Amino acid sequence: RIAAAFRARTREEWARVFEPSDGCVAAVRSLAEAPCHPHLAARG
């Protein structure tokens, strides 16, 4: 059921849902994407 729910939306759509929340879910970023993640960028 969890897998079916996640397949209904894109990674970025789910990231916008979960990453500001207490749901403890995060998008898996690639090596190229990681430095641009807003939190990592803010912390340097």
Full PDB file with SEQRES, HELIX, SHEET, SSBOND, CRYST1, ORIGX, SCALE, CONECT and MASTER records, all heavy atoms in Angstrom:
SEQRES   1 A   44  ARG ILE ALA ALA ALA PHE ARG ALA ARG THR ARG GLU GLU          
SEQRES   2 A   44  TRP ALA ARG VAL PHE GLU PRO SER ASP GLY CYS VAL ALA          
SEQRES   3 A   44  ALA VAL ARG SER LEU ALA GLU ALA PRO CYS HIS PRO HIS          
SEQRES   4 A   44  LEU ALA ALA ARG GLY                                          
HELIX    1 AA1 ILE A    2  PHE A    6  1                                   5    
HELIX    2 AA2 ARG A   11  PHE A   18  1                                   8    
HELIX    3 AA3 ALA A   34  CYS A   36  5                                   3    
HELIX    4 AA4 PRO A   38  ARG A   43  1                                   6    
CRYST1    1.000    1.000    1.000  90.00  90.00  90.00 P 1           1          
ORIGX1      1.000000  0.000000  0.000000        0.00000                         
ORIGX2      0.000000  1.000000  0.000000        0.00000                         
ORIGX3      0.000000  0.000000  1.000000        0.00000                         
SCALE1      1.000000  0.000000  0.000000        0.00000                         
SCALE2      0.000000  1.000000  0.000000        0.00000                         
SCALE3      0.000000  0.000000  1.000000        0.00000                         
ATOM      1  N   ARG A   1       0.830  -1.205   0.000  1.00  0.00           N  
ATOM      2  CA  ARG A   1       0.000   0.000   0.000  1.00  0.00           C  
ATOM      3  C   ARG A   1       0.869   1.261   0.000  1.00  0.00           C  
ATOM      4  O   ARG A   1       0.560   2.232  -0.702  1.00  0.00           O  
ATOM      5  CB  ARG A   1      -0.921  -0.004   1.223  1.00  0.00           C  
ATOM      6  CG  ARG A   1      -1.956  -1.129   1.209  1.00  0.00           C  
ATOM      7  CD  ARG A   1      -2.789  -1.125   2.475  1.00  0.00           C  
ATOM      8  NE  ARG A   1      -3.553   0.105   2.605  1.00  0.00           N  
ATOM      9  CZ  ARG A   1      -4.080   0.536   3.747  1.00  0.00           C  
ATOM     10  NH1 ARG A   1      -3.884  -0.159   4.862  1.00  0.00           N  
ATOM     11  NH2 ARG A   1      -4.783   1.646   3.781  1.00  0.00           N  
ATOM     12  N   ILE A   2       1.935   1.240   0.778  1.00  0.00           N  
ATOM     13  CA  ILE A   2       2.842   2.392   0.791  1.00  0.00           C  
ATOM     14  C   ILE A   2       3.475   2.571  -0.583  1.00  0.00           C  
ATOM     15  O   ILE A   2       3.554   3.691  -1.114  1.00  0.00           O  
ATOM     16  CB  ILE A   2       3.919   2.212   1.881  1.00  0.00           C  
ATOM     17  CG1 ILE A   2       3.288   2.246   3.267  1.00  0.00           C  
ATOM     18  CG2 ILE A   2       5.002   3.282   1.746  1.00  0.00           C  
ATOM     19  CD1 ILE A   2       4.252   1.911   4.398  1.00  0.00           C  
ATOM     20  N   ALA A   3       3.917   1.468  -1.181  1.00  0.00           N  
ATOM     21  CA  ALA A   3       4.556   1.547  -2.500  1.00  0.00           C  
ATOM     22  C   ALA A   3       3.584   2.096  -3.539  1.00  0.00           C  
ATOM     23  O   ALA A   3       3.956   2.928  -4.384  1.00  0.00           O  
ATOM     24  CB  ALA A   3       5.064   0.167  -2.914  1.00  0.00           C  
ATOM     25  N   ALA A   4       2.340   1.641  -3.504  1.00  0.00           N  
ATOM     26  CA  ALA A   4       1.344   2.115  -4.467  1.00  0.00           C  
ATOM     27  C   ALA A   4       1.081   3.611  -4.292  1.00  0.00           C  
ATOM     28  O   ALA A   4       0.933   4.352  -5.271  1.00  0.00           O  
ATOM     29  CB  ALA A   4       0.047   1.333  -4.307  1.00  0.00           C  
ATOM     30  N   ALA A   5       1.051   4.073  -3.038  1.00  0.00           N  
ATOM     31  CA  ALA A   5       0.819   5.489  -2.790  1.00  0.00           C  
ATOM     32  C   ALA A   5       1.963   6.337  -3.348  1.00  0.00           C  
ATOM     33  O   ALA A   5       1.739   7.370  -3.994  1.00  0.00           O  
ATOM     34  CB  ALA A   5       0.653   5.734  -1.297  1.00  0.00           C  
ATOM     35  N   PHE A   6       3.191   5.921  -3.128  1.00  0.00           N  
ATOM     36  CA  PHE A   6       4.325   6.699  -3.621  1.00  0.00           C  
ATOM     37  C   PHE A   6       4.381   6.726  -5.146  1.00  0.00           C  
ATOM     38  O   PHE A   6       4.829   7.712  -5.749  1.00  0.00           O  
ATOM     39  CB  PHE A   6       5.638   6.156  -3.052  1.00  0.00           C  
ATOM     40  CG  PHE A   6       6.001   6.732  -1.714  1.00  0.00           C  
ATOM     41  CD1 PHE A   6       6.054   5.926  -0.581  1.00  0.00           C  
ATOM     42  CD2 PHE A   6       6.282   8.079  -1.580  1.00  0.00           C  
ATOM     43  CE1 PHE A   6       6.392   6.451   0.659  1.00  0.00           C  
ATOM     44  CE2 PHE A   6       6.618   8.633  -0.342  1.00  0.00           C  
ATOM     45  CZ  PHE A   6       6.667   7.811   0.783  1.00  0.00           C  
ATOM     46  N   ARG A   7       3.934   5.676  -5.784  1.00  0.00           N  
ATOM     47  CA  ARG A   7       3.968   5.628  -7.248  1.00  0.00           C  
ATOM     48  C   ARG A   7       2.961   6.574  -7.895  1.00  0.00           C  
ATOM     49  O   ARG A   7       2.988   6.790  -9.112  1.00  0.00           O  
ATOM     50  CB  ARG A   7       3.733   4.201  -7.740  1.00  0.00           C  
ATOM     51  CG  ARG A   7       4.949   3.293  -7.593  1.00  0.00           C  
ATOM     52  CD  ARG A   7       4.787   2.026  -8.411  1.00  0.00           C  
ATOM     53  NE  ARG A   7       3.674   1.217  -7.931  1.00  0.00           N  
ATOM     54  CZ  ARG A   7       3.784   0.241  -7.035  1.00  0.00           C  
ATOM     55  NH1 ARG A   7       4.971  -0.039  -6.512  1.00  0.00           N  
ATOM     56  NH2 ARG A   7       2.732  -0.435  -6.656  1.00  0.00           N  
ATOM     57  N   ALA A   8       2.098   7.173  -7.089  1.00  0.00           N  
ATOM     58  CA  ALA A   8       1.064   8.058  -7.634  1.00  0.00           C  
ATOM     59  C   ALA A   8       1.578   9.465  -7.920  1.00  0.00           C  
ATOM     60  O   ALA A   8       0.908  10.227  -8.624  1.00  0.00           O  
ATOM     61  CB  ALA A   8      -0.117   8.123  -6.669  1.00  0.00           C  
ATOM     62  N   ARG A   9       2.746   9.845  -7.376  1.00  0.00           N  
ATOM     63  CA  ARG A   9       3.267  11.190  -7.582  1.00  0.00           C  
ATOM     64  C   ARG A   9       4.763  11.126  -7.887  1.00  0.00           C  
ATOM     65  O   ARG A   9       5.420  10.112  -7.655  1.00  0.00           O  
ATOM     66  CB  ARG A   9       3.049  12.076  -6.345  1.00  0.00           C  
ATOM     67  CG  ARG A   9       1.604  12.307  -5.962  1.00  0.00           C  
ATOM     68  CD  ARG A   9       1.534  13.355  -4.853  1.00  0.00           C  
ATOM     69  NE  ARG A   9       0.208  13.451  -4.260  1.00  0.00           N  
ATOM     70  CZ  ARG A   9      -0.126  14.305  -3.302  1.00  0.00           C  
ATOM     71  NH1 ARG A   9       0.791  15.156  -2.828  1.00  0.00           N  
ATOM     72  NH2 ARG A   9      -1.339  14.330  -2.801  1.00  0.00           N  
ATOM     73  N   THR A  10       5.285  12.239  -8.375  1.00  0.00           N  
ATOM     74  CA  THR A  10       6.711  12.310  -8.680  1.00  0.00           C  
ATOM     75  C   THR A  10       7.522  12.554  -7.409  1.00  0.00           C  
ATOM     76  O   THR A  10       6.967  12.928  -6.358  1.00  0.00           O  
ATOM     77  CB  THR A  10       7.013  13.437  -9.666  1.00  0.00           C  
ATOM     78  OG1 THR A  10       6.757  14.690  -9.016  1.00  0.00           O  
ATOM     79  CG2 THR A  10       6.171  13.311 -10.924  1.00  0.00           C  
ATOM     80  N   ARG A  11       8.823  12.371  -7.531  1.00  0.00           N  
ATOM     81  CA  ARG A  11       9.709  12.609  -6.390  1.00  0.00           C  
ATOM     82  C   ARG A  11       9.588  14.032  -5.874  1.00  0.00           C  
ATOM     83  O   ARG A  11       9.489  14.257  -4.652  1.00  0.00           O  
ATOM     84  CB  ARG A  11      11.159  12.329  -6.795  1.00  0.00           C  
ATOM     85  CG  ARG A  11      12.137  12.398  -5.632  1.00  0.00           C  
ATOM     86  CD  ARG A  11      13.576  12.339  -6.105  1.00  0.00           C  
ATOM     87  NE  ARG A  11      13.957  13.539  -6.850  1.00  0.00           N  
ATOM     88  CZ  ARG A  11      15.207  13.833  -7.193  1.00  0.00           C  
ATOM     89  NH1 ARG A  11      16.195  12.999  -6.888  1.00  0.00           N  
ATOM     90  NH2 ARG A  11      15.482  14.942  -7.879  1.00  0.00           N  
ATOM     91  N   GLU A  12       9.590  15.026  -6.738  1.00  0.00           N  
ATOM     92  CA  GLU A  12       9.532  16.407  -6.290  1.00  0.00           C  
ATOM     93  C   GLU A  12       8.190  16.750  -5.668  1.00  0.00           C  
ATOM     94  O   GLU A  12       8.115  17.556  -4.731  1.00  0.00           O  
ATOM     95  CB  GLU A  12       9.864  17.354  -7.447  1.00  0.00           C  
ATOM     96  CG  GLU A  12      11.309  17.252  -7.919  1.00  0.00           C  
ATOM     97  CD  GLU A  12      12.297  17.339  -6.765  1.00  0.00           C  
ATOM     98  OE1 GLU A  12      12.224  18.321  -5.993  1.00  0.00           O  
ATOM     99  OE2 GLU A  12      13.128  16.416  -6.613  1.00  0.00           O  
ATOM    100  N   GLU A  13       7.132  16.145  -6.179  1.00  0.00           N  
ATOM    101  CA  GLU A  13       5.822  16.370  -5.561  1.00  0.00           C  
ATOM    102  C   GLU A  13       5.819  15.841  -4.134  1.00  0.00           C  
ATOM    103  O   GLU A  13       5.343  16.512  -3.205  1.00  0.00           O  
ATOM    104  CB  GLU A  13       4.729  15.704  -6.394  1.00  0.00           C  
ATOM    105  CG  GLU A  13       4.448  16.416  -7.713  1.00  0.00           C  
ATOM    106  CD  GLU A  13       3.484  15.658  -8.597  1.00  0.00           C  
ATOM    107  OE1 GLU A  13       3.440  14.398  -8.539  1.00  0.00           O  
ATOM    108  OE2 GLU A  13       2.768  16.314  -9.374  1.00  0.00           O  
ATOM    109  N   TRP A  14       6.367  14.646  -3.937  1.00  0.00           N  
ATOM    110  CA  TRP A  14       6.416  14.089  -2.580  1.00  0.00           C  
ATOM    111  C   TRP A  14       7.379  14.890  -1.701  1.00  0.00           C  
ATOM    112  O   TRP A  14       7.134  15.063  -0.505  1.00  0.00           O  
ATOM    113  CB  TRP A  14       6.828  12.628  -2.613  1.00  0.00           C  
ATOM    114  CG  TRP A  14       5.720  11.703  -3.024  1.00  0.00           C  
ATOM    115  CD1 TRP A  14       5.701  10.845  -4.077  1.00  0.00           C  
ATOM    116  CD2 TRP A  14       4.460  11.527  -2.362  1.00  0.00           C  
ATOM    117  NE1 TRP A  14       4.516  10.146  -4.133  1.00  0.00           N  
ATOM    118  CE2 TRP A  14       3.735  10.553  -3.083  1.00  0.00           C  
ATOM    119  CE3 TRP A  14       3.863  12.105  -1.240  1.00  0.00           C  
ATOM    120  CZ2 TRP A  14       2.461  10.136  -2.715  1.00  0.00           C  
ATOM    121  CZ3 TRP A  14       2.587  11.690  -0.864  1.00  0.00           C  
ATOM    122  CH2 TRP A  14       1.900  10.719  -1.607  1.00  0.00           C  
ATOM    123  N   ALA A  15       8.475  15.377  -2.269  1.00  0.00           N  
ATOM    124  CA  ALA A  15       9.405  16.180  -1.475  1.00  0.00           C  
ATOM    125  C   ALA A  15       8.716  17.423  -0.930  1.00  0.00           C  
ATOM    126  O   ALA A  15       8.939  17.811   0.223  1.00  0.00           O  
ATOM    127  CB  ALA A  15      10.616  16.562  -2.322  1.00  0.00           C  
ATOM    128  N   ARG A  16       7.881  18.045  -1.737  1.00  0.00           N  
ATOM    129  CA  ARG A  16       7.172  19.237  -1.271  1.00  0.00           C  
ATOM    130  C   ARG A  16       6.173  18.893  -0.171  1.00  0.00           C  
ATOM    131  O   ARG A  16       5.894  19.714   0.704  1.00  0.00           O  
ATOM    132  CB  ARG A  16       6.465  19.920  -2.445  1.00  0.00           C  
ATOM    133  CG  ARG A  16       7.419  20.648  -3.391  1.00  0.00           C  
ATOM    134  CD  ARG A  16       6.669  21.540  -4.359  1.00  0.00           C  
ATOM    135  NE  ARG A  16       5.902  20.771  -5.334  1.00  0.00           N  
ATOM    136  CZ  ARG A  16       6.387  20.353  -6.499  1.00  0.00           C  
ATOM    137  NH1 ARG A  16       7.646  20.621  -6.837  1.00  0.00           N  
ATOM    138  NH2 ARG A  16       5.633  19.672  -7.346  1.00  0.00           N  
ATOM    139  N   VAL A  17       5.647  17.683  -0.208  1.00  0.00           N  
ATOM    140  CA  VAL A  17       4.704  17.251   0.821  1.00  0.00           C  
ATOM    141  C   VAL A  17       5.422  16.963   2.131  1.00  0.00           C  
ATOM    142  O   VAL A  17       4.991  17.385   3.217  1.00  0.00           O  
ATOM    143  CB  VAL A  17       3.935  15.996   0.349  1.00  0.00           C  
ATOM    144  CG1 VAL A  17       3.151  15.377   1.514  1.00  0.00           C  
ATOM    145  CG2 VAL A  17       3.001  16.338  -0.805  1.00  0.00           C  
ATOM    146  N   PHE A  18       6.537  16.239   2.056  1.00  0.00           N  
ATOM    147  CA  PHE A  18       7.137  15.670   3.262  1.00  0.00           C  
ATOM    148  C   PHE A  18       8.285  16.475   3.864  1.00  0.00           C  
ATOM    149  O   PHE A  18       8.446  16.489   5.086  1.00  0.00           O  
ATOM    150  CB  PHE A  18       7.651  14.259   2.964  1.00  0.00           C  
ATOM    151  CG  PHE A  18       6.593  13.203   3.048  1.00  0.00           C  
ATOM    152  CD1 PHE A  18       6.096  12.603   1.903  1.00  0.00           C  
ATOM    153  CD2 PHE A  18       6.105  12.789   4.280  1.00  0.00           C  
ATOM    154  CE1 PHE A  18       5.123  11.623   1.977  1.00  0.00           C  
ATOM    155  CE2 PHE A  18       5.132  11.810   4.369  1.00  0.00           C  
ATOM    156  CZ  PHE A  18       4.637  11.220   3.210  1.00  0.00           C  
ATOM    157  N   GLU A  19       9.093  17.122   3.066  1.00  0.00           N  
ATOM    158  CA  GLU A  19      10.347  17.620   3.627  1.00  0.00           C  
ATOM    159  C   GLU A  19      10.178  18.745   4.638  1.00  0.00           C  
ATOM    160  O   GLU A  19      11.044  18.921   5.488  1.00  0.00           O  
ATOM    161  CB  GLU A  19      11.323  17.981   2.508  1.00  0.00           C  
ATOM    162  CG  GLU A  19      11.837  16.717   1.815  1.00  0.00           C  
ATOM    163  CD  GLU A  19      13.007  16.949   0.874  1.00  0.00           C  
ATOM    164  OE1 GLU A  19      13.343  18.116   0.611  1.00  0.00           O  
ATOM    165  OE2 GLU A  19      13.576  15.945   0.409  1.00  0.00           O  
ATOM    166  N   PRO A  20       9.070  19.505   4.636  1.00  0.00           N  
ATOM    167  CA  PRO A  20       8.895  20.460   5.746  1.00  0.00           C  
ATOM    168  C   PRO A  20       8.161  19.856   6.949  1.00  0.00           C  
ATOM    169  O   PRO A  20       7.775  20.584   7.852  1.00  0.00           O  
ATOM    170  CB  PRO A  20       8.044  21.575   5.116  1.00  0.00           C  
ATOM    171  CG  PRO A  20       7.808  21.190   3.692  1.00  0.00           C  
ATOM    172  CD  PRO A  20       8.092  19.739   3.581  1.00  0.00           C  
ATOM    173  N   SER A  21       7.929  18.540   6.987  1.00  0.00           N  
ATOM    174  CA  SER A  21       7.029  17.941   7.970  1.00  0.00           C  
ATOM    175  C   SER A  21       7.774  17.083   8.987  1.00  0.00           C  
ATOM    176  O   SER A  21       8.990  16.914   8.929  1.00  0.00           O  
ATOM    177  CB  SER A  21       6.006  17.060   7.244  1.00  0.00           C  
ATOM    178  OG  SER A  21       6.599  15.823   6.877  1.00  0.00           O  
ATOM    179  N   ASP A  22       7.010  16.502   9.921  1.00  0.00           N  
ATOM    180  CA  ASP A  22       7.535  15.536  10.889  1.00  0.00           C  
ATOM    181  C   ASP A  22       7.324  14.094  10.421  1.00  0.00           C  
ATOM    182  O   ASP A  22       7.413  13.162  11.223  1.00  0.00           O  
ATOM    183  CB  ASP A  22       6.840  15.711  12.243  1.00  0.00           C  
ATOM    184  CG  ASP A  22       7.302  16.964  12.972  1.00  0.00           C  
ATOM    185  OD1 ASP A  22       8.279  17.595  12.507  1.00  0.00           O  
ATOM    186  OD2 ASP A  22       6.697  17.312  14.002  1.00  0.00           O  
ATOM    187  N   GLY A  23       7.075  13.905   9.137  1.00  0.00           N  
ATOM    188  CA  GLY A  23       6.819  12.563   8.636  1.00  0.00           C  
ATOM    189  C   GLY A  23       8.062  11.725   8.436  1.00  0.00           C  
ATOM    190  O   GLY A  23       7.970  10.526   8.160  1.00  0.00           O  
ATOM    191  N   CYS A  24       9.250  12.322   8.592  1.00  0.00           N  
ATOM    192  CA  CYS A  24      10.531  11.609   8.470  1.00  0.00           C  
ATOM    193  C   CYS A  24      10.658  10.930   7.112  1.00  0.00           C  
ATOM    194  O   CYS A  24      10.939   9.715   7.012  1.00  0.00           O  
ATOM    195  CB  CYS A  24      10.699  10.594   9.599  1.00  0.00           C  
ATOM    196  SG  CYS A  24      10.865  11.363  11.217  1.00  0.00           S  
ATOM    197  N   VAL A  25      10.452  11.689   6.067  1.00  0.00           N  
ATOM    198  CA  VAL A  25      10.593  11.211   4.692  1.00  0.00           C  
ATOM    199  C   VAL A  25      11.416  12.247   3.930  1.00  0.00           C  
ATOM    200  O   VAL A  25      11.214  13.452   4.092  1.00  0.00           O  
ATOM    201  CB  VAL A  25       9.220  11.018   4.013  1.00  0.00           C  
ATOM    202  CG1 VAL A  25       9.394  10.611   2.554  1.00  0.00           C  
ATOM    203  CG2 VAL A  25       8.394   9.983   4.764  1.00  0.00           C  
ATOM    204  N   ALA A  26      12.334  11.778   3.108  1.00  0.00           N  
ATOM    205  CA  ALA A  26      13.168  12.687   2.319  1.00  0.00           C  
ATOM    206  C   ALA A  26      13.407  12.106   0.943  1.00  0.00           C  
ATOM    207  O   ALA A  26      13.484  10.884   0.765  1.00  0.00           O  
ATOM    208  CB  ALA A  26      14.506  12.939   3.018  1.00  0.00           C  
ATOM    209  N   ALA A  27      13.520  12.980  -0.041  1.00  0.00           N  
ATOM    210  CA  ALA A  27      13.846  12.551  -1.398  1.00  0.00           C  
ATOM    211  C   ALA A  27      15.298  12.104  -1.461  1.00  0.00           C  
ATOM    212  O   ALA A  27      16.179  12.726  -0.870  1.00  0.00           O  
ATOM    213  CB  ALA A  27      13.603  13.691  -2.377  1.00  0.00           C  
ATOM    214  N   VAL A  28      15.545  11.023  -2.198  1.00  0.00           N  
ATOM    215  CA  VAL A  28      16.904  10.536  -2.401  1.00  0.00           C  
ATOM    216  C   VAL A  28      17.545  11.360  -3.512  1.00  0.00           C  
ATOM    217  O   VAL A  28      17.084  11.344  -4.652  1.00  0.00           O  
ATOM    218  CB  VAL A  28      16.902   9.039  -2.761  1.00  0.00           C  
ATOM    219  CG1 VAL A  28      18.327   8.552  -3.045  1.00  0.00           C  
ATOM    220  CG2 VAL A  28      16.261   8.215  -1.636  1.00  0.00           C  
ATOM    221  N   ARG A  29      18.600  12.080  -3.172  1.00  0.00           N  
ATOM    222  CA  ARG A  29      19.272  12.954  -4.122  1.00  0.00           C  
ATOM    223  C   ARG A  29      20.535  12.295  -4.662  1.00  0.00           C  
ATOM    224  O   ARG A  29      21.198  11.544  -3.964  1.00  0.00           O  
ATOM    225  CB  ARG A  29      19.659  14.273  -3.445  1.00  0.00           C  
ATOM    226  CG  ARG A  29      18.486  15.014  -2.801  1.00  0.00           C  
ATOM    227  CD  ARG A  29      17.532  15.571  -3.822  1.00  0.00           C  
ATOM    228  NE  ARG A  29      16.356  16.187  -3.188  1.00  0.00           N  
ATOM    229  CZ  ARG A  29      15.361  16.730  -3.859  1.00  0.00           C  
ATOM    230  NH1 ARG A  29      15.398  16.751  -5.191  1.00  0.00           N  
ATOM    231  NH2 ARG A  29      14.326  17.255  -3.227  1.00  0.00           N  
ATOM    232  N   SER A  30      20.866  12.606  -5.889  1.00  0.00           N  
ATOM    233  CA  SER A  30      22.080  12.082  -6.497  1.00  0.00           C  
ATOM    234  C   SER A  30      23.295  12.868  -6.021  1.00  0.00           C  
ATOM    235  O   SER A  30      23.171  13.907  -5.371  1.00  0.00           O  
ATOM    236  CB  SER A  30      21.988  12.178  -8.020  1.00  0.00           C  
ATOM    237  OG  SER A  30      22.077  13.536  -8.429  1.00  0.00           O  
ATOM    238  N   LEU A  31      24.482  12.389  -6.358  1.00  0.00           N  
ATOM    239  CA  LEU A  31      25.703  13.111  -6.011  1.00  0.00           C  
ATOM    240  C   LEU A  31      25.706  14.507  -6.620  1.00  0.00           C  
ATOM    241  O   LEU A  31      26.151  15.478  -5.985  1.00  0.00           O  
ATOM    242  CB  LEU A  31      26.926  12.339  -6.503  1.00  0.00           C  
ATOM    243  CG  LEU A  31      27.183  10.964  -5.864  1.00  0.00           C  
ATOM    244  CD1 LEU A  31      28.351  10.278  -6.558  1.00  0.00           C  
ATOM    245  CD2 LEU A  31      27.454  11.101  -4.380  1.00  0.00           C  
ATOM    246  N   ALA A  32      25.211  14.621  -7.842  1.00  0.00           N  
ATOM    247  CA  ALA A  32      25.181  15.929  -8.498  1.00  0.00           C  
ATOM    248  C   ALA A  32      24.142  16.849  -7.865  1.00  0.00           C  
ATOM    249  O   ALA A  32      24.325  18.078  -7.819  1.00  0.00           O  
ATOM    250  CB  ALA A  32      24.887  15.761  -9.988  1.00  0.00           C  
ATOM    251  N   GLU A  33      23.050  16.279  -7.371  1.00  0.00           N  
ATOM    252  CA  GLU A  33      21.976  17.089  -6.797  1.00  0.00           C  
ATOM    253  C   GLU A  33      22.257  17.522  -5.364  1.00  0.00           C  
ATOM    254  O   GLU A  33      21.801  18.584  -4.927  1.00  0.00           O  
ATOM    255  CB  GLU A  33      20.667  16.306  -6.817  1.00  0.00           C  
ATOM    256  CG  GLU A  33      20.099  16.026  -8.189  1.00  0.00           C  
ATOM    257  CD  GLU A  33      18.891  15.103  -8.116  1.00  0.00           C  
ATOM    258  OE1 GLU A  33      18.939  14.101  -7.375  1.00  0.00           O  
ATOM    259  OE2 GLU A  33      17.900  15.400  -8.797  1.00  0.00           O  
ATOM    260  N   ALA A  34      22.982  16.710  -4.602  1.00  0.00           N  
ATOM    261  CA  ALA A  34      23.120  16.930  -3.166  1.00  0.00           C  
ATOM    262  C   ALA A  34      23.611  18.329  -2.798  1.00  0.00           C  
ATOM    263  O   ALA A  34      23.038  18.967  -1.903  1.00  0.00           O  
ATOM    264  CB  ALA A  34      24.040  15.867  -2.566  1.00  0.00           C  
ATOM    265  N   PRO A  35      24.648  18.878  -3.448  1.00  0.00           N  
ATOM    266  CA  PRO A  35      25.112  20.202  -3.034  1.00  0.00           C  
ATOM    267  C   PRO A  35      24.081  21.308  -3.212  1.00  0.00           C  
ATOM    268  O   PRO A  35      24.218  22.375  -2.598  1.00  0.00           O  
ATOM    269  CB  PRO A  35      26.329  20.438  -3.943  1.00  0.00           C  
ATOM    270  CG  PRO A  35      26.787  19.073  -4.325  1.00  0.00           C  
ATOM    271  CD  PRO A  35      25.532  18.268  -4.456  1.00  0.00           C  
ATOM    272  N   CYS A  36      23.060  21.069  -4.049  1.00  0.00           N  
ATOM    273  CA  CYS A  36      22.038  22.083  -4.309  1.00  0.00           C  
ATOM    274  C   CYS A  36      20.839  21.955  -3.382  1.00  0.00           C  
ATOM    275  O   CYS A  36      19.915  22.788  -3.452  1.00  0.00           O  
ATOM    276  CB  CYS A  36      21.576  21.994  -5.765  1.00  0.00           C  
ATOM    277  SG  CYS A  36      22.903  22.198  -6.969  1.00  0.00           S  
ATOM    278  N   HIS A  37      20.812  20.936  -2.538  1.00  0.00           N  
ATOM    279  CA  HIS A  37      19.680  20.797  -1.625  1.00  0.00           C  
ATOM    280  C   HIS A  37      19.610  22.035  -0.724  1.00  0.00           C  
ATOM    281  O   HIS A  37      20.630  22.476  -0.185  1.00  0.00           O  
ATOM    282  CB  HIS A  37      19.847  19.542  -0.775  1.00  0.00           C  
ATOM    283  CG  HIS A  37      18.653  19.239   0.079  1.00  0.00           C  
ATOM    284  ND1 HIS A  37      18.425  19.882   1.277  1.00  0.00           N  
ATOM    285  CD2 HIS A  37      17.623  18.381  -0.108  1.00  0.00           C  
ATOM    286  CE1 HIS A  37      17.297  19.417   1.809  1.00  0.00           C  
ATOM    287  NE2 HIS A  37      16.791  18.521   0.988  1.00  0.00           N  
ATOM    288  N   PRO A  38      18.437  22.624  -0.557  1.00  0.00           N  
ATOM    289  CA  PRO A  38      18.338  23.893   0.167  1.00  0.00           C  
ATOM    290  C   PRO A  38      18.947  23.860   1.565  1.00  0.00           C  
ATOM    291  O   PRO A  38      19.601  24.818   1.984  1.00  0.00           O  
ATOM    292  CB  PRO A  38      16.829  24.161   0.210  1.00  0.00           C  
ATOM    293  CG  PRO A  38      16.288  23.436  -0.987  1.00  0.00           C  
ATOM    294  CD  PRO A  38      17.143  22.213  -1.137  1.00  0.00           C  
ATOM    295  N   HIS A  39      18.734  22.777   2.288  1.00  0.00           N  
ATOM    296  CA  HIS A  39      19.281  22.721   3.649  1.00  0.00           C  
ATOM    297  C   HIS A  39      20.800  22.632   3.625  1.00  0.00           C  
ATOM    298  O   HIS A  39      21.494  23.339   4.377  1.00  0.00           O  
ATOM    299  CB  HIS A  39      18.700  21.520   4.394  1.00  0.00           C  
ATOM    300  CG  HIS A  39      19.164  21.428   5.813  1.00  0.00           C  
ATOM    301  ND1 HIS A  39      18.616  22.165   6.832  1.00  0.00           N  
ATOM    302  CD2 HIS A  39      20.168  20.694   6.383  1.00  0.00           C  
ATOM    303  CE1 HIS A  39      19.241  21.904   7.965  1.00  0.00           C  
ATOM    304  NE2 HIS A  39      20.195  21.018   7.721  1.00  0.00           N  
ATOM    305  N   LEU A  40      21.333  21.761   2.769  1.00  0.00           N  
ATOM    306  CA  LEU A  40      22.784  21.612   2.699  1.00  0.00           C  
ATOM    307  C   LEU A  40      23.437  22.885   2.180  1.00  0.00           C  
ATOM    308  O   LEU A  40      24.519  23.270   2.635  1.00  0.00           O  
ATOM    309  CB  LEU A  40      23.152  20.421   1.807  1.00  0.00           C  
ATOM    310  CG  LEU A  40      22.542  19.068   2.190  1.00  0.00           C  
ATOM    311  CD1 LEU A  40      23.147  17.958   1.334  1.00  0.00           C  
ATOM    312  CD2 LEU A  40      22.734  18.765   3.668  1.00  0.00           C  
ATOM    313  N   ALA A  41      22.772  23.536   1.229  1.00  0.00           N  
ATOM    314  CA  ALA A  41      23.309  24.793   0.707  1.00  0.00           C  
ATOM    315  C   ALA A  41      23.317  25.869   1.790  1.00  0.00           C  
ATOM    316  O   ALA A  41      24.277  26.637   1.917  1.00  0.00           O  
ATOM    317  CB  ALA A  41      22.490  25.251  -0.497  1.00  0.00           C  
ATOM    318  N   ALA A  42      22.267  25.923   2.592  1.00  0.00           N  
ATOM    319  CA  ALA A  42      22.183  26.934   3.647  1.00  0.00           C  
ATOM    320  C   ALA A  42      23.267  26.730   4.703  1.00  0.00           C  
ATOM    321  O   ALA A  42      23.799  27.698   5.258  1.00  0.00           O  
ATOM    322  CB  ALA A  42      20.804  26.905   4.290  1.00  0.00           C  
ATOM    323  N   ARG A  43      23.601  25.482   4.986  1.00  0.00           N  
ATOM    324  CA  ARG A  43      24.618  25.175   5.987  1.00  0.00           C  
ATOM    325  C   ARG A  43      26.035  25.206   5.424  1.00  0.00           C  
ATOM    326  O   ARG A  43      27.008  25.149   6.195  1.00  0.00           O  
ATOM    327  CB  ARG A  43      24.369  23.788   6.595  1.00  0.00           C  
ATOM    328  CG  ARG A  43      23.258  23.762   7.604  1.00  0.00           C  
ATOM    329  CD  ARG A  43      23.103  22.383   8.235  1.00  0.00           C  
ATOM    330  NE  ARG A  43      24.324  21.893   8.861  1.00  0.00           N  
ATOM    331  CZ  ARG A  43      24.757  22.251  10.076  1.00  0.00           C  
ATOM    332  NH1 ARG A  43      24.073  23.156  10.775  1.00  0.00           N  
ATOM    333  NH2 ARG A  43      25.863  21.736  10.585  1.00  0.00           N  
ATOM    334  N   GLY A  44      26.161  25.244   4.107  1.00  0.00           N  
ATOM    335  CA  GLY A  44      27.497  25.166   3.529  1.00  0.00           C  
ATOM    336  C   GLY A  44      28.113  23.799   3.692  1.00  0.00           C  
ATOM    337  O   GLY A  44      29.320  23.664   3.923  1.00  0.00           O  
TER     338      GLY A  44                                                      
MASTER        0    0    0    4    0    0    0    6  337    1    0    4          
END                                                                             
